[in-house]
């Protein structure tokens, strides 16, 4: 169920009988055809345990189940939209950045402290994104939101990527993350806002970075 990019802030999804998709509530802009929208209480694929994990993690962004036959236009808050296609791998993304995604994907919740131990937990506190993040796994497409557009940066074993935690959007692949101190780094770049940290991602995959430090 691929998305078609209408412009940088709007995507169109084709809904076909027998298939589901999930969207953030309030993200539907317009639709054509026989399409229904119902509140989803189970957090997408993953059932009750996924829902419980999202509640505990404060990752309970309300979702809608989209079904039927037709096309739907999605957008939210004028945010830029990036479509990410998964081919059996896992996407790690904050729940409030999810605009819409294929119902074929399995949704879960991951404790960020498990990646980098204490530093993973510190990352949650510094970014304000909490100690958990949402995971989407399988084959399908995901539309995520960001400020100012998104760039995809490859992560390889030979070339880890360092990201401003406030600019981080999502990542996928076999990627490990840790928060490292970078005293003076922000001041040297020109915007000393008090953050003396940078997020280091290593392994094999990609990270998505937005062109802004604003939260959604």
Protein backbone atom coordinates (compact mmCIF):
# COMPACT_ATOMS: atom_id res chain seq x y z
CA UNK A 1 0.00 0.00 0.00
CA UNK A 2 2.51 2.63 -1.13
CA UNK A 3 2.22 6.35 -0.55
CA UNK A 4 2.36 8.84 -3.39
CA UNK A 5 3.95 12.16 -2.51
CA UNK A 6 1.70 15.02 -3.61
CA UNK A 7 4.09 17.65 -2.28
CA UNK A 8 6.48 17.99 0.65
CA UNK A 9 3.58 18.25 3.13
CA UNK A 10 0.97 15.88 1.73
CA UNK A 11 0.83 12.23 0.66
CA UNK A 12 -1.85 10.11 -0.96
CA UNK A 13 -2.48 6.48 0.00
CA UNK A 14 -4.51 3.92 -1.91
CA UNK A 15 -6.76 1.80 0.28
CA UNK A 16 -7.85 -1.58 -1.08
CA UNK A 17 -10.41 -4.08 0.27
CA UNK A 18 -9.04 -6.56 2.78
CA UNK A 19 -6.08 -4.38 3.74
CA UNK A 20 -5.69 -1.96 6.62
CA UNK A 21 -3.57 1.04 7.27
CA UNK A 22 -3.14 3.19 10.35
CA UNK A 23 -2.90 6.96 10.64
CA UNK A 24 -2.56 9.54 13.34
CA UNK A 25 -5.95 10.94 14.31
CA UNK A 26 -6.62 14.22 12.58
CA UNK A 27 -4.21 13.41 9.72
CA UNK A 28 -6.89 12.76 7.08
CA UNK A 29 -7.26 15.78 4.78
CA UNK A 30 -9.60 14.37 2.14
CA UNK A 31 -10.61 11.06 0.60
CA UNK A 32 -12.39 9.53 -2.37
CA UNK A 33 -14.27 6.25 -2.46
CA UNK A 34 -15.81 4.02 0.21
CA UNK A 35 -13.30 4.48 3.05
CA UNK A 36 -13.94 4.15 6.79
CA UNK A 37 -11.99 5.59 9.72
CA UNK A 38 -12.33 4.06 13.18
CA UNK A 39 -10.44 4.70 16.44
CA UNK A 40 -7.77 2.08 17.05
CA UNK A 41 -7.27 0.91 20.64
CA UNK A 42 -4.71 -1.82 20.05
CA UNK A 43 -1.75 0.08 18.67
CA UNK A 44 -1.75 -1.45 15.20
CA UNK A 45 -0.37 -4.94 14.66
CA UNK A 46 0.99 -6.28 17.90
CA UNK A 47 -2.32 -6.36 19.74
CA UNK A 48 -2.82 -5.79 23.42
CA UNK A 49 0.85 -6.10 24.41
CA UNK A 50 1.77 -3.42 21.90
CA UNK A 51 -0.95 -1.20 23.33
CA UNK A 52 0.25 -1.79 26.91
CA UNK A 53 3.82 -1.07 25.90
CA UNK A 54 2.75 2.18 24.27
CA UNK A 55 0.78 3.25 27.34
CA UNK A 56 3.63 2.50 29.73
CA UNK A 57 6.05 4.28 27.40
CA UNK A 58 3.78 7.32 27.06
CA UNK A 59 3.84 6.49 23.36
CA UNK A 60 0.05 6.53 23.11
CA UNK A 61 -0.40 8.79 20.12
CA UNK A 62 -4.02 8.11 19.05
CA UNK A 63 -4.34 6.09 15.86
CA UNK A 64 -7.12 5.55 13.35
CA UNK A 65 -7.72 2.34 11.40
CA UNK A 66 -8.29 3.10 7.73
CA UNK A 67 -10.15 0.51 5.61
CA UNK A 68 -12.23 0.22 2.46
CA UNK A 69 -11.63 1.11 -1.16
CA UNK A 70 -10.40 4.47 -2.37
CA UNK A 71 -7.68 7.05 -1.91
CA UNK A 72 -6.87 9.19 1.14
CA UNK A 73 -4.85 12.39 1.42
CA UNK A 74 -2.80 12.69 4.61
CA UNK A 75 -1.02 15.64 6.19
CA UNK A 76 -0.77 17.20 9.62
CA UNK A 77 0.15 20.62 10.94
CA UNK A 78 1.88 21.63 7.74
CA UNK A 79 4.84 19.41 8.69
CA UNK A 80 7.17 18.04 6.05
CA UNK A 81 6.56 14.37 5.27
CA UNK A 82 9.12 11.69 4.51
CA UNK A 83 8.07 8.30 3.12
CA UNK A 84 10.25 5.40 4.28
CA UNK A 85 9.95 1.98 2.64
CA UNK A 86 10.82 -1.05 4.77
CA UNK A 87 11.93 -4.36 3.26
CA UNK A 88 11.83 -6.65 6.28
CA UNK A 89 13.82 -4.40 8.60
CA UNK A 90 12.78 -2.34 11.62
CA UNK A 91 12.19 1.40 11.82
CA UNK A 92 12.71 3.17 15.15
CA UNK A 93 10.65 6.37 15.33
CA UNK A 94 8.95 8.52 17.94
CA UNK A 95 5.19 7.87 18.00
CA UNK A 96 4.19 11.50 17.56
CA UNK A 97 6.14 11.62 14.28
CA UNK A 98 4.05 8.87 12.69
CA UNK A 99 1.63 10.22 10.10
CA UNK A 100 0.45 6.92 8.56
CA UNK A 101 1.77 3.42 7.91
CA UNK A 102 0.89 0.11 6.30
CA UNK A 103 -1.19 -2.30 8.33
CA UNK A 104 1.20 -5.06 7.25
CA UNK A 105 3.84 -3.68 9.59
CA UNK A 106 4.14 -5.01 13.13
CA UNK A 107 4.23 -2.27 15.75
CA UNK A 108 6.04 -2.48 19.06
CA UNK A 109 7.84 -0.45 21.71
CA UNK A 110 11.53 -0.51 22.60
CA UNK A 111 13.18 0.70 25.79
CA UNK A 112 15.89 3.10 24.68
CA UNK A 113 17.98 2.27 27.73
CA UNK A 114 18.72 -1.11 26.16
CA UNK A 115 20.78 0.69 23.52
CA UNK A 116 23.70 2.26 25.31
CA UNK A 117 22.61 1.49 28.87
CA UNK A 118 22.49 4.57 31.06
CA UNK A 119 23.40 6.81 28.13
CA UNK A 120 20.35 5.58 26.29
CA UNK A 121 18.24 6.72 29.21
CA UNK A 122 20.03 10.07 29.30
CA UNK A 123 19.20 10.50 25.63
CA UNK A 124 15.52 10.16 26.44
CA UNK A 125 15.75 12.86 29.06
CA UNK A 126 17.77 15.25 26.90
CA UNK A 127 15.62 14.95 23.79
CA UNK A 128 12.35 15.01 25.72
CA UNK A 129 11.25 11.97 23.72
CA UNK A 130 11.00 9.64 26.69
CA UNK A 131 12.81 6.42 27.43
CA UNK A 132 10.91 4.39 24.83
CA UNK A 133 10.50 4.60 21.09
CA UNK A 134 8.05 3.01 18.65
CA UNK A 135 9.19 0.24 16.31
CA UNK A 136 7.66 -0.77 12.97
CA UNK A 137 8.88 -4.00 11.41
CA UNK A 138 8.22 -5.86 8.16
CA UNK A 139 7.50 -5.01 4.54
CA UNK A 140 5.61 -1.80 3.89
CA UNK A 141 5.71 1.98 3.87
CA UNK A 142 5.74 4.56 6.65
CA UNK A 143 5.07 8.30 6.37
CA UNK A 144 6.80 10.30 9.11
CA UNK A 145 6.66 14.02 9.92
CA UNK A 146 9.47 16.48 10.48
CA UNK A 147 10.29 20.18 10.51
CA UNK A 148 12.00 21.67 7.49
CA UNK A 149 12.45 18.50 5.45
CA UNK A 150 14.43 15.31 6.05
CA UNK A 151 17.69 13.89 4.79
CA UNK A 152 18.64 10.20 4.94
CA UNK A 153 22.25 9.61 6.02
CA UNK A 154 23.79 6.14 5.61
CA UNK A 155 25.36 4.57 8.69
CA UNK A 156 28.21 2.10 8.06
CA UNK A 157 30.63 0.26 10.36
CA UNK A 158 33.45 2.40 9.03
CA UNK A 159 31.56 5.70 9.25
CA UNK A 160 29.34 6.28 12.27
CA UNK A 161 27.09 9.35 12.18
CA UNK A 162 26.85 12.02 14.87
CA UNK A 163 23.51 13.84 15.11
CA UNK A 164 22.14 16.70 17.16
CA UNK A 165 19.58 14.88 19.37
CA UNK A 166 16.96 17.54 18.63
CA UNK A 167 17.36 16.96 14.86
CA UNK A 168 16.98 13.16 15.09
CA UNK A 169 13.81 11.80 13.47
CA UNK A 170 14.20 8.02 13.04
CA UNK A 171 16.61 5.27 12.06
CA UNK A 172 16.51 1.75 10.67
CA UNK A 173 18.84 -1.19 10.24
CA UNK A 174 21.30 -2.79 12.63
CA UNK A 175 22.18 0.50 14.27
CA UNK A 176 23.31 1.16 17.83
CA UNK A 177 22.96 4.57 19.41
CA UNK A 178 24.59 6.24 22.35
CA UNK A 179 24.67 9.74 23.70
CA UNK A 180 28.11 11.23 24.08
CA UNK A 181 29.22 14.47 25.63
CA UNK A 182 30.60 17.08 23.29
CA UNK A 183 31.55 19.98 25.49
CA UNK A 184 31.81 23.13 23.44
CA UNK A 185 30.49 21.43 20.29
CA UNK A 186 27.26 23.41 20.16
CA UNK A 187 29.01 26.72 20.88
CA UNK A 188 31.60 26.10 18.19
CA UNK A 189 28.90 25.45 15.60
CA UNK A 190 27.21 28.71 16.51
CA UNK A 191 24.11 27.86 18.51
CA UNK A 192 25.01 27.35 22.12
CA UNK A 193 21.66 26.41 23.61
CA UNK A 194 23.03 24.42 26.50
CA UNK A 195 23.12 20.98 24.89
CA UNK A 196 26.53 19.42 25.36
CA UNK A 197 25.54 16.10 23.79
CA UNK A 198 25.47 14.46 20.43
CA UNK A 199 23.84 11.22 19.38
CA UNK A 200 26.28 8.74 17.88
CA UNK A 201 24.84 6.04 15.60
CA UNK A 202 27.02 3.14 14.50
CA UNK A 203 26.51 -0.13 12.67
CA UNK A 204 24.74 -0.68 9.34
CA UNK A 205 21.63 1.23 8.31
CA UNK A 206 20.47 4.81 7.98
CA UNK A 207 19.37 7.73 10.13
CA UNK A 208 16.83 10.40 9.20
CA UNK A 209 17.64 13.95 10.25
CA UNK A 210 15.37 16.99 10.05
CA UNK A 211 16.49 20.47 9.03
CA UNK A 212 15.41 21.98 12.32
CA UNK A 213 15.73 21.59 16.09
CA UNK A 214 12.01 22.11 16.70
CA UNK A 215 9.84 19.44 18.25
CA UNK A 216 6.51 18.52 16.69
